[in-house]
N, C-alpha and C. Protein backbone atom coordinates (compact mmCIF):
# COMPACT_ATOMS: atom_id res chain seq x y z
N MET A 1 -49.34 15.51 19.71
CA MET A 1 -49.62 14.50 18.72
C MET A 1 -48.64 14.62 17.54
N ARG A 2 -48.40 15.83 17.12
CA ARG A 2 -47.51 16.03 15.98
C ARG A 2 -46.10 15.52 16.29
N ASN A 3 -45.60 15.78 17.50
CA ASN A 3 -44.27 15.30 17.88
C ASN A 3 -44.21 13.78 17.90
N SER A 4 -45.29 13.12 18.31
CA SER A 4 -45.29 11.65 18.32
C SER A 4 -45.23 11.10 16.91
N ARG A 5 -45.93 11.73 15.97
CA ARG A 5 -45.88 11.25 14.58
C ARG A 5 -44.48 11.44 14.02
N GLN A 6 -43.89 12.58 14.28
CA GLN A 6 -42.53 12.84 13.80
C GLN A 6 -41.56 11.82 14.42
N TRP A 7 -41.74 11.57 15.70
CA TRP A 7 -40.87 10.61 16.38
C TRP A 7 -41.05 9.23 15.77
N LEU A 8 -42.32 8.80 15.52
CA LEU A 8 -42.58 7.49 14.91
C LEU A 8 -41.99 7.41 13.50
N THR A 9 -42.10 8.49 12.74
CA THR A 9 -41.54 8.50 11.39
C THR A 9 -40.02 8.34 11.43
N VAL A 10 -39.39 9.07 12.32
CA VAL A 10 -37.93 8.97 12.47
C VAL A 10 -37.55 7.57 12.95
N ALA A 11 -38.27 7.04 13.92
CA ALA A 11 -37.98 5.70 14.45
C ALA A 11 -38.15 4.64 13.36
N ALA A 12 -39.20 4.78 12.56
CA ALA A 12 -39.41 3.82 11.47
C ALA A 12 -38.28 3.90 10.45
N ALA A 13 -37.88 5.11 10.11
CA ALA A 13 -36.78 5.28 9.15
C ALA A 13 -35.49 4.68 9.67
N VAL A 14 -35.21 4.93 10.96
CA VAL A 14 -34.00 4.36 11.57
C VAL A 14 -34.10 2.84 11.59
N GLY A 15 -35.26 2.30 11.91
CA GLY A 15 -35.44 0.85 11.94
C GLY A 15 -35.23 0.22 10.58
N ILE A 16 -35.80 0.84 9.54
CA ILE A 16 -35.63 0.33 8.18
C ILE A 16 -34.16 0.38 7.79
N ALA A 17 -33.50 1.50 8.09
CA ALA A 17 -32.07 1.63 7.78
C ALA A 17 -31.25 0.57 8.50
N ALA A 18 -31.61 0.28 9.76
CA ALA A 18 -30.87 -0.72 10.54
C ALA A 18 -31.05 -2.10 9.94
N VAL A 19 -32.27 -2.43 9.52
CA VAL A 19 -32.52 -3.74 8.91
C VAL A 19 -31.75 -3.87 7.61
N MET A 20 -31.79 -2.80 6.80
CA MET A 20 -31.06 -2.84 5.53
C MET A 20 -29.56 -2.95 5.76
N ALA A 21 -29.05 -2.20 6.73
CA ALA A 21 -27.62 -2.24 7.03
C ALA A 21 -27.21 -3.62 7.53
N SER A 22 -28.03 -4.23 8.39
CA SER A 22 -27.67 -5.55 8.91
C SER A 22 -27.71 -6.58 7.79
N HIS A 23 -28.63 -6.43 6.84
CA HIS A 23 -28.69 -7.35 5.70
C HIS A 23 -27.42 -7.19 4.85
N ALA A 24 -27.03 -5.94 4.61
CA ALA A 24 -25.82 -5.70 3.82
C ALA A 24 -24.59 -6.23 4.54
N ALA A 25 -24.54 -6.06 5.87
CA ALA A 25 -23.40 -6.55 6.64
C ALA A 25 -23.35 -8.07 6.63
N ALA A 26 -24.50 -8.71 6.62
CA ALA A 26 -24.54 -10.17 6.62
C ALA A 26 -23.96 -10.74 5.33
N GLN A 27 -24.02 -9.97 4.23
CA GLN A 27 -23.49 -10.45 2.96
C GLN A 27 -21.97 -10.50 2.97
N LYS A 28 -21.30 -9.62 3.72
CA LYS A 28 -19.85 -9.60 3.88
C LYS A 28 -19.10 -9.78 2.57
N LYS A 29 -19.29 -8.87 1.66
CA LYS A 29 -18.60 -8.91 0.38
C LYS A 29 -17.27 -8.19 0.54
N TYR A 30 -16.19 -8.90 0.30
CA TYR A 30 -14.85 -8.34 0.40
C TYR A 30 -14.19 -8.35 -0.96
N ASP A 31 -13.19 -7.49 -1.13
CA ASP A 31 -12.36 -7.55 -2.33
C ASP A 31 -11.49 -8.79 -2.24
N PRO A 32 -10.96 -9.25 -3.39
CA PRO A 32 -10.02 -10.38 -3.33
C PRO A 32 -8.89 -10.05 -2.36
N GLY A 33 -8.46 -11.04 -1.60
CA GLY A 33 -7.37 -10.86 -0.65
C GLY A 33 -7.82 -10.49 0.74
N ALA A 34 -9.13 -10.33 0.93
CA ALA A 34 -9.63 -9.99 2.26
C ALA A 34 -10.79 -10.92 2.61
N SER A 35 -10.82 -11.35 3.85
CA SER A 35 -11.90 -12.19 4.34
C SER A 35 -12.09 -11.90 5.83
N ASP A 36 -12.99 -12.63 6.46
CA ASP A 36 -13.20 -12.46 7.90
C ASP A 36 -11.96 -12.88 8.69
N ARG A 37 -11.13 -13.73 8.12
CA ARG A 37 -9.99 -14.30 8.86
C ARG A 37 -8.63 -13.81 8.40
N GLU A 38 -8.55 -13.26 7.17
CA GLU A 38 -7.22 -13.02 6.59
C GLU A 38 -7.21 -11.79 5.70
N ILE A 39 -6.04 -11.14 5.67
CA ILE A 39 -5.74 -10.07 4.72
C ILE A 39 -4.46 -10.47 4.02
N LYS A 40 -4.53 -10.64 2.70
CA LYS A 40 -3.34 -11.01 1.93
C LYS A 40 -2.67 -9.75 1.39
N ILE A 41 -1.41 -9.60 1.74
CA ILE A 41 -0.61 -8.47 1.29
C ILE A 41 0.56 -9.01 0.49
N GLY A 42 0.74 -8.49 -0.73
CA GLY A 42 1.81 -8.94 -1.60
C GLY A 42 2.98 -7.97 -1.63
N ASN A 43 4.13 -8.50 -2.02
CA ASN A 43 5.34 -7.70 -2.07
C ASN A 43 6.35 -8.40 -2.97
N THR A 44 7.15 -7.60 -3.68
CA THR A 44 8.35 -8.13 -4.33
C THR A 44 9.52 -7.36 -3.77
N MET A 45 10.63 -8.04 -3.69
CA MET A 45 11.82 -7.45 -3.05
C MET A 45 13.05 -8.09 -3.68
N PRO A 46 14.16 -7.37 -3.78
CA PRO A 46 15.38 -7.96 -4.34
C PRO A 46 16.13 -8.81 -3.31
N TYR A 47 15.67 -10.03 -3.12
CA TYR A 47 16.38 -10.94 -2.21
C TYR A 47 17.65 -11.48 -2.86
N SER A 48 17.74 -11.33 -4.18
CA SER A 48 18.95 -11.70 -4.92
C SER A 48 19.26 -10.56 -5.87
N GLY A 49 20.42 -10.63 -6.53
CA GLY A 49 20.76 -9.62 -7.52
C GLY A 49 21.52 -8.44 -6.94
N PRO A 50 21.68 -7.38 -7.76
CA PRO A 50 22.55 -6.26 -7.39
C PRO A 50 22.08 -5.46 -6.18
N ALA A 51 20.81 -5.51 -5.85
CA ALA A 51 20.31 -4.75 -4.70
C ALA A 51 19.89 -5.66 -3.56
N SER A 52 20.45 -6.86 -3.52
CA SER A 52 20.00 -7.86 -2.54
C SER A 52 20.18 -7.42 -1.09
N ALA A 53 21.11 -6.52 -0.82
CA ALA A 53 21.27 -6.04 0.56
C ALA A 53 19.98 -5.36 1.03
N LEU A 54 19.25 -4.77 0.11
CA LEU A 54 18.00 -4.09 0.46
C LEU A 54 16.84 -5.08 0.64
N GLY A 55 17.08 -6.33 0.33
CA GLY A 55 16.08 -7.37 0.59
C GLY A 55 15.76 -7.49 2.07
N GLU A 56 16.63 -6.96 2.90
CA GLU A 56 16.37 -6.95 4.34
C GLU A 56 15.09 -6.19 4.67
N LEU A 57 14.72 -5.24 3.82
CA LEU A 57 13.46 -4.52 4.03
C LEU A 57 12.27 -5.50 4.00
N GLY A 58 12.28 -6.41 3.03
CA GLY A 58 11.20 -7.40 2.94
C GLY A 58 11.14 -8.29 4.17
N LYS A 59 12.31 -8.66 4.67
CA LYS A 59 12.36 -9.48 5.89
C LYS A 59 11.85 -8.69 7.09
N THR A 60 12.12 -7.38 7.10
CA THR A 60 11.64 -6.52 8.18
C THR A 60 10.12 -6.40 8.12
N PHE A 61 9.58 -6.20 6.91
CA PHE A 61 8.12 -6.15 6.75
C PHE A 61 7.50 -7.44 7.27
N ALA A 62 8.06 -8.58 6.88
CA ALA A 62 7.52 -9.88 7.31
C ALA A 62 7.55 -10.00 8.83
N ALA A 63 8.65 -9.58 9.44
CA ALA A 63 8.76 -9.66 10.90
C ALA A 63 7.71 -8.78 11.57
N TYR A 64 7.48 -7.61 11.03
CA TYR A 64 6.48 -6.71 11.61
C TYR A 64 5.08 -7.30 11.48
N PHE A 65 4.76 -7.85 10.31
CA PHE A 65 3.43 -8.46 10.14
C PHE A 65 3.27 -9.68 11.04
N ASN A 66 4.35 -10.43 11.27
CA ASN A 66 4.29 -11.56 12.21
C ASN A 66 4.01 -11.06 13.62
N LYS A 67 4.60 -9.92 13.99
CA LYS A 67 4.33 -9.32 15.30
C LYS A 67 2.86 -8.94 15.42
N ILE A 68 2.33 -8.31 14.37
CA ILE A 68 0.90 -7.94 14.39
C ILE A 68 0.04 -9.19 14.54
N ASN A 69 0.38 -10.25 13.81
CA ASN A 69 -0.38 -11.50 13.91
C ASN A 69 -0.30 -12.09 15.31
N ALA A 70 0.88 -12.04 15.92
CA ALA A 70 1.06 -12.58 17.27
C ALA A 70 0.23 -11.81 18.30
N GLU A 71 -0.07 -10.55 17.99
CA GLU A 71 -0.87 -9.72 18.88
C GLU A 71 -2.36 -9.76 18.54
N GLY A 72 -2.75 -10.70 17.67
CA GLY A 72 -4.17 -10.85 17.34
C GLY A 72 -4.57 -10.36 15.97
N GLY A 73 -3.63 -9.88 15.20
CA GLY A 73 -3.94 -9.43 13.84
C GLY A 73 -4.60 -8.07 13.82
N ILE A 74 -5.31 -7.81 12.74
CA ILE A 74 -6.04 -6.56 12.56
C ILE A 74 -7.52 -6.89 12.66
N ASN A 75 -8.13 -6.45 13.75
CA ASN A 75 -9.55 -6.79 14.01
C ASN A 75 -9.78 -8.30 13.87
N GLY A 76 -8.84 -9.07 14.40
CA GLY A 76 -8.97 -10.52 14.38
C GLY A 76 -8.54 -11.18 13.07
N ARG A 77 -8.16 -10.37 12.09
CA ARG A 77 -7.73 -10.92 10.81
C ARG A 77 -6.21 -11.09 10.80
N ARG A 78 -5.77 -12.25 10.37
CA ARG A 78 -4.35 -12.55 10.25
C ARG A 78 -3.82 -11.95 8.95
N ILE A 79 -2.63 -11.38 8.98
CA ILE A 79 -2.00 -10.86 7.77
C ILE A 79 -1.19 -11.99 7.14
N ASN A 80 -1.50 -12.29 5.91
CA ASN A 80 -0.75 -13.27 5.14
C ASN A 80 0.13 -12.47 4.19
N PHE A 81 1.39 -12.26 4.60
CA PHE A 81 2.34 -11.46 3.81
C PHE A 81 3.08 -12.40 2.86
N ILE A 82 2.88 -12.18 1.57
CA ILE A 82 3.49 -13.03 0.54
C ILE A 82 4.52 -12.17 -0.21
N SER A 83 5.79 -12.52 -0.08
CA SER A 83 6.85 -11.73 -0.69
C SER A 83 7.70 -12.61 -1.59
N TYR A 84 7.89 -12.15 -2.83
CA TYR A 84 8.67 -12.90 -3.81
C TYR A 84 9.91 -12.12 -4.21
N ASP A 85 10.94 -12.85 -4.59
CA ASP A 85 12.19 -12.26 -5.07
C ASP A 85 12.01 -11.75 -6.49
N ASP A 86 12.34 -10.47 -6.71
CA ASP A 86 12.31 -9.93 -8.07
C ASP A 86 13.72 -9.63 -8.58
N GLY A 87 14.74 -9.85 -7.73
CA GLY A 87 16.12 -9.62 -8.15
C GLY A 87 16.40 -8.21 -8.64
N TYR A 88 15.52 -7.27 -8.33
CA TYR A 88 15.60 -5.88 -8.78
C TYR A 88 15.62 -5.82 -10.30
N SER A 89 14.87 -6.71 -10.92
CA SER A 89 14.75 -6.79 -12.37
C SER A 89 13.31 -6.51 -12.76
N PRO A 90 13.03 -5.41 -13.46
CA PRO A 90 11.65 -5.07 -13.79
C PRO A 90 10.84 -6.19 -14.46
N PRO A 91 11.40 -6.95 -15.43
CA PRO A 91 10.60 -8.05 -15.99
C PRO A 91 10.22 -9.10 -14.92
N LYS A 92 11.13 -9.36 -14.00
CA LYS A 92 10.84 -10.30 -12.92
C LYS A 92 9.80 -9.72 -11.96
N THR A 93 9.87 -8.40 -11.72
CA THR A 93 8.88 -7.74 -10.88
C THR A 93 7.50 -7.89 -11.49
N VAL A 94 7.40 -7.69 -12.81
CA VAL A 94 6.11 -7.84 -13.50
C VAL A 94 5.59 -9.26 -13.34
N GLU A 95 6.46 -10.23 -13.57
CA GLU A 95 6.07 -11.65 -13.46
C GLU A 95 5.58 -11.98 -12.04
N GLN A 96 6.34 -11.59 -11.05
CA GLN A 96 5.98 -11.90 -9.66
C GLN A 96 4.73 -11.13 -9.22
N THR A 97 4.58 -9.91 -9.68
CA THR A 97 3.40 -9.11 -9.32
C THR A 97 2.15 -9.71 -9.93
N ARG A 98 2.23 -10.14 -11.18
CA ARG A 98 1.07 -10.81 -11.81
C ARG A 98 0.69 -12.06 -11.02
N LYS A 99 1.69 -12.80 -10.56
CA LYS A 99 1.43 -13.99 -9.74
C LYS A 99 0.71 -13.60 -8.45
N LEU A 100 1.18 -12.54 -7.81
CA LEU A 100 0.57 -12.09 -6.55
C LEU A 100 -0.89 -11.67 -6.78
N VAL A 101 -1.15 -10.94 -7.86
CA VAL A 101 -2.49 -10.42 -8.12
C VAL A 101 -3.42 -11.51 -8.66
N GLU A 102 -2.95 -12.27 -9.65
CA GLU A 102 -3.84 -13.20 -10.35
C GLU A 102 -3.92 -14.59 -9.71
N SER A 103 -2.83 -15.08 -9.14
CA SER A 103 -2.85 -16.41 -8.52
C SER A 103 -3.07 -16.35 -7.01
N ASP A 104 -2.28 -15.53 -6.35
CA ASP A 104 -2.39 -15.43 -4.89
C ASP A 104 -3.58 -14.56 -4.47
N GLU A 105 -4.06 -13.73 -5.38
CA GLU A 105 -5.20 -12.84 -5.14
C GLU A 105 -5.01 -11.97 -3.90
N VAL A 106 -3.91 -11.22 -3.88
CA VAL A 106 -3.65 -10.31 -2.76
C VAL A 106 -4.59 -9.11 -2.81
N LEU A 107 -4.82 -8.52 -1.65
CA LEU A 107 -5.64 -7.32 -1.55
C LEU A 107 -4.88 -6.11 -2.08
N LEU A 108 -3.56 -6.09 -1.83
CA LEU A 108 -2.73 -4.95 -2.21
C LEU A 108 -1.28 -5.38 -2.32
N ILE A 109 -0.51 -4.53 -2.99
CA ILE A 109 0.95 -4.70 -3.07
C ILE A 109 1.55 -3.63 -2.16
N PHE A 110 2.50 -4.01 -1.35
CA PHE A 110 3.04 -3.12 -0.32
C PHE A 110 4.56 -3.06 -0.39
N GLY A 111 5.12 -1.85 -0.42
CA GLY A 111 6.55 -1.64 -0.21
C GLY A 111 7.48 -2.17 -1.27
N THR A 112 7.06 -2.20 -2.53
CA THR A 112 7.97 -2.64 -3.59
C THR A 112 9.10 -1.62 -3.73
N LEU A 113 10.31 -2.13 -3.89
CA LEU A 113 11.51 -1.29 -3.88
C LEU A 113 11.95 -0.89 -5.27
N GLY A 114 12.21 0.39 -5.46
CA GLY A 114 12.90 0.87 -6.65
C GLY A 114 12.02 1.53 -7.70
N THR A 115 12.62 2.47 -8.40
CA THR A 115 11.91 3.20 -9.45
C THR A 115 11.58 2.29 -10.63
N ALA A 116 12.57 1.58 -11.15
CA ALA A 116 12.33 0.74 -12.32
C ALA A 116 11.31 -0.38 -12.04
N PRO A 117 11.43 -1.12 -10.94
CA PRO A 117 10.42 -2.15 -10.67
C PRO A 117 9.01 -1.57 -10.50
N ASN A 118 8.88 -0.45 -9.81
CA ASN A 118 7.55 0.15 -9.60
C ASN A 118 6.98 0.73 -10.88
N THR A 119 7.83 1.32 -11.71
CA THR A 119 7.37 1.84 -13.00
C THR A 119 6.86 0.69 -13.86
N ALA A 120 7.54 -0.44 -13.80
CA ALA A 120 7.16 -1.59 -14.62
C ALA A 120 5.77 -2.14 -14.26
N ILE A 121 5.34 -1.98 -13.02
CA ILE A 121 4.04 -2.54 -12.62
C ILE A 121 2.95 -1.48 -12.41
N GLN A 122 3.30 -0.21 -12.48
CA GLN A 122 2.34 0.85 -12.15
C GLN A 122 1.08 0.80 -13.01
N ARG A 123 1.21 0.73 -14.31
CA ARG A 123 0.04 0.73 -15.20
C ARG A 123 -0.82 -0.52 -14.94
N TYR A 124 -0.17 -1.67 -14.83
CA TYR A 124 -0.88 -2.93 -14.55
C TYR A 124 -1.68 -2.84 -13.25
N MET A 125 -1.05 -2.36 -12.19
CA MET A 125 -1.72 -2.27 -10.89
C MET A 125 -2.94 -1.35 -10.97
N ASN A 126 -2.82 -0.25 -11.69
CA ASN A 126 -3.93 0.68 -11.81
C ASN A 126 -5.03 0.15 -12.73
N GLU A 127 -4.66 -0.58 -13.76
CA GLU A 127 -5.69 -1.22 -14.61
C GLU A 127 -6.47 -2.26 -13.82
N LYS A 128 -5.79 -2.99 -12.96
CA LYS A 128 -6.43 -4.03 -12.14
C LYS A 128 -7.13 -3.45 -10.91
N LYS A 129 -6.86 -2.15 -10.63
CA LYS A 129 -7.42 -1.47 -9.46
C LYS A 129 -7.03 -2.17 -8.15
N VAL A 130 -5.76 -2.56 -8.12
CA VAL A 130 -5.18 -3.16 -6.92
C VAL A 130 -4.23 -2.11 -6.33
N PRO A 131 -4.40 -1.72 -5.09
CA PRO A 131 -3.53 -0.70 -4.51
C PRO A 131 -2.06 -1.11 -4.52
N GLN A 132 -1.23 -0.17 -4.93
CA GLN A 132 0.23 -0.29 -4.95
C GLN A 132 0.71 0.73 -3.91
N LEU A 133 0.84 0.29 -2.66
CA LEU A 133 1.01 1.21 -1.54
C LEU A 133 2.43 1.25 -0.99
N PHE A 134 2.80 2.43 -0.51
CA PHE A 134 4.06 2.68 0.16
C PHE A 134 5.26 2.19 -0.65
N ILE A 135 5.23 2.55 -1.94
CA ILE A 135 6.35 2.18 -2.81
C ILE A 135 7.60 2.92 -2.35
N ILE A 136 8.72 2.24 -2.47
CA ILE A 136 9.99 2.80 -2.00
C ILE A 136 10.76 3.30 -3.21
N SER A 137 10.51 4.56 -3.54
CA SER A 137 11.17 5.21 -4.66
C SER A 137 11.00 6.71 -4.50
N GLY A 138 11.99 7.45 -4.91
CA GLY A 138 11.91 8.90 -4.87
C GLY A 138 11.52 9.51 -6.20
N ALA A 139 11.09 8.70 -7.17
CA ALA A 139 10.75 9.20 -8.50
C ALA A 139 9.43 9.95 -8.49
N ALA A 140 9.45 11.18 -9.00
CA ALA A 140 8.24 12.00 -9.07
C ALA A 140 7.21 11.36 -9.99
N LYS A 141 7.64 10.63 -11.01
CA LYS A 141 6.69 10.03 -11.95
C LYS A 141 5.80 8.98 -11.30
N LEU A 142 6.18 8.51 -10.12
CA LEU A 142 5.36 7.52 -9.42
C LEU A 142 4.38 8.19 -8.46
N ARG A 143 4.29 9.50 -8.54
CA ARG A 143 3.35 10.28 -7.71
C ARG A 143 2.46 11.08 -8.64
N ASP A 144 1.50 10.42 -9.25
CA ASP A 144 0.60 11.04 -10.21
C ASP A 144 -0.82 10.51 -9.96
N PRO A 145 -1.45 10.99 -8.87
CA PRO A 145 -2.76 10.45 -8.51
C PRO A 145 -3.85 10.69 -9.55
N GLN A 146 -3.67 11.70 -10.39
CA GLN A 146 -4.68 11.96 -11.42
C GLN A 146 -4.71 10.83 -12.45
N HIS A 147 -3.54 10.33 -12.84
CA HIS A 147 -3.47 9.27 -13.84
C HIS A 147 -3.30 7.88 -13.23
N PHE A 148 -2.75 7.80 -12.02
CA PHE A 148 -2.49 6.52 -11.37
C PHE A 148 -2.99 6.57 -9.92
N PRO A 149 -4.32 6.57 -9.73
CA PRO A 149 -4.87 6.74 -8.37
C PRO A 149 -4.63 5.56 -7.44
N TRP A 150 -4.23 4.41 -7.97
CA TRP A 150 -4.02 3.22 -7.14
C TRP A 150 -2.58 3.10 -6.68
N THR A 151 -1.72 4.07 -7.03
CA THR A 151 -0.30 4.06 -6.67
C THR A 151 -0.03 5.15 -5.64
N MET A 152 0.63 4.77 -4.54
CA MET A 152 0.94 5.74 -3.49
C MET A 152 2.36 5.51 -2.98
N GLY A 153 3.15 6.57 -2.96
CA GLY A 153 4.53 6.47 -2.50
C GLY A 153 4.64 6.46 -0.99
N PHE A 154 5.84 6.23 -0.54
CA PHE A 154 6.15 6.19 0.89
C PHE A 154 7.03 7.37 1.29
N MET A 155 7.95 7.72 0.44
CA MET A 155 8.92 8.76 0.76
C MET A 155 8.70 9.95 -0.17
N PRO A 156 9.23 11.12 0.20
CA PRO A 156 9.07 12.27 -0.69
C PRO A 156 9.83 12.04 -1.98
N ASP A 157 9.36 12.70 -3.05
CA ASP A 157 10.10 12.55 -4.30
C ASP A 157 11.47 13.23 -4.14
N SER A 158 12.40 12.82 -4.95
CA SER A 158 13.80 13.25 -4.81
C SER A 158 13.95 14.76 -4.92
N GLN A 159 13.18 15.40 -5.80
CA GLN A 159 13.28 16.85 -5.95
C GLN A 159 12.84 17.56 -4.67
N ARG A 160 11.74 17.10 -4.10
CA ARG A 160 11.24 17.71 -2.86
C ARG A 160 12.24 17.47 -1.72
N GLU A 161 12.78 16.28 -1.65
CA GLU A 161 13.77 15.97 -0.62
C GLU A 161 15.00 16.86 -0.76
N ALA A 162 15.46 17.07 -1.99
CA ALA A 162 16.62 17.93 -2.22
C ALA A 162 16.33 19.37 -1.78
N ARG A 163 15.11 19.86 -2.06
CA ARG A 163 14.74 21.21 -1.62
C ARG A 163 14.75 21.32 -0.10
N ILE A 164 14.27 20.29 0.58
CA ILE A 164 14.25 20.30 2.05
C ILE A 164 15.68 20.37 2.59
N TYR A 165 16.58 19.56 2.04
CA TYR A 165 17.98 19.60 2.48
C TYR A 165 18.61 20.96 2.18
N ALA A 166 18.34 21.48 0.98
CA ALA A 166 18.92 22.77 0.60
C ALA A 166 18.44 23.89 1.52
N GLN A 167 17.15 23.91 1.83
CA GLN A 167 16.62 24.93 2.74
C GLN A 167 17.28 24.83 4.11
N TYR A 168 17.43 23.60 4.59
CA TYR A 168 18.09 23.39 5.90
C TYR A 168 19.53 23.91 5.87
N LEU A 169 20.25 23.52 4.83
CA LEU A 169 21.66 23.94 4.74
C LEU A 169 21.79 25.45 4.61
N LEU A 170 20.95 26.08 3.80
CA LEU A 170 21.02 27.54 3.64
C LEU A 170 20.71 28.25 4.95
N LYS A 171 19.76 27.72 5.70
CA LYS A 171 19.39 28.34 6.97
C LYS A 171 20.43 28.11 8.06
N ASN A 172 20.93 26.90 8.18
CA ASN A 172 21.79 26.52 9.29
C ASN A 172 23.29 26.58 8.99
N HIS A 173 23.66 26.56 7.73
CA HIS A 173 25.07 26.61 7.33
C HIS A 173 25.22 27.47 6.09
N PRO A 174 24.90 28.77 6.21
CA PRO A 174 24.88 29.62 5.00
C PRO A 174 26.25 29.76 4.32
N GLN A 175 27.32 29.56 5.06
CA GLN A 175 28.66 29.67 4.46
C GLN A 175 29.24 28.30 4.11
N GLY A 176 28.46 27.25 4.33
CA GLY A 176 28.94 25.90 4.10
C GLY A 176 29.13 25.58 2.61
N LYS A 177 29.83 24.50 2.38
CA LYS A 177 30.05 24.03 1.01
C LYS A 177 29.40 22.66 0.86
N ILE A 178 28.94 22.39 -0.31
CA ILE A 178 28.24 21.13 -0.59
C ILE A 178 29.05 20.33 -1.60
N GLY A 179 29.29 19.09 -1.27
CA GLY A 179 29.95 18.19 -2.20
C GLY A 179 28.96 17.13 -2.66
N ILE A 180 28.96 16.82 -3.94
CA ILE A 180 28.02 15.86 -4.48
C ILE A 180 28.79 14.72 -5.13
N LEU A 181 28.49 13.51 -4.71
CA LEU A 181 29.04 12.31 -5.34
C LEU A 181 27.95 11.77 -6.26
N TYR A 182 28.29 11.58 -7.50
CA TYR A 182 27.25 11.15 -8.46
C TYR A 182 27.77 10.03 -9.30
């Protein structure tokens, strides 16, 4: 008898949890930029200006997201990749990022190029609590999760990268010489 009561209590608790969970799931509350059908991802890239050759990265991101969409998206959701030209100019990056966040209502900013453009938007992105993901910069100042938890880099910071190269060279070419172009 005692085991049956325990079993009924557990079954009732599981049933109540299931009803509550299904009610919560039925509400389908998403952050801006996400819905049952779409995920909006924002980006700025230097399609013009002094770093325009690197604008090819933005075109590559777009092509990859198109491939994902052609294969059915992410759990049936289409990626709407919105990328604007910032000309590698921090004031333009701020302007275009505000447009992406406030007008286009993207879920996140992805793959913004450069230290200066990312520094210009870092505080804004964290105040708005919009993820600034896979930034393309080696600056250590853009890797500060304690103060900027919504910002995440893609590549190692330049100091760490230099240590990795130095360790490799010391191990594999101890008598080698290093030339630096600066």
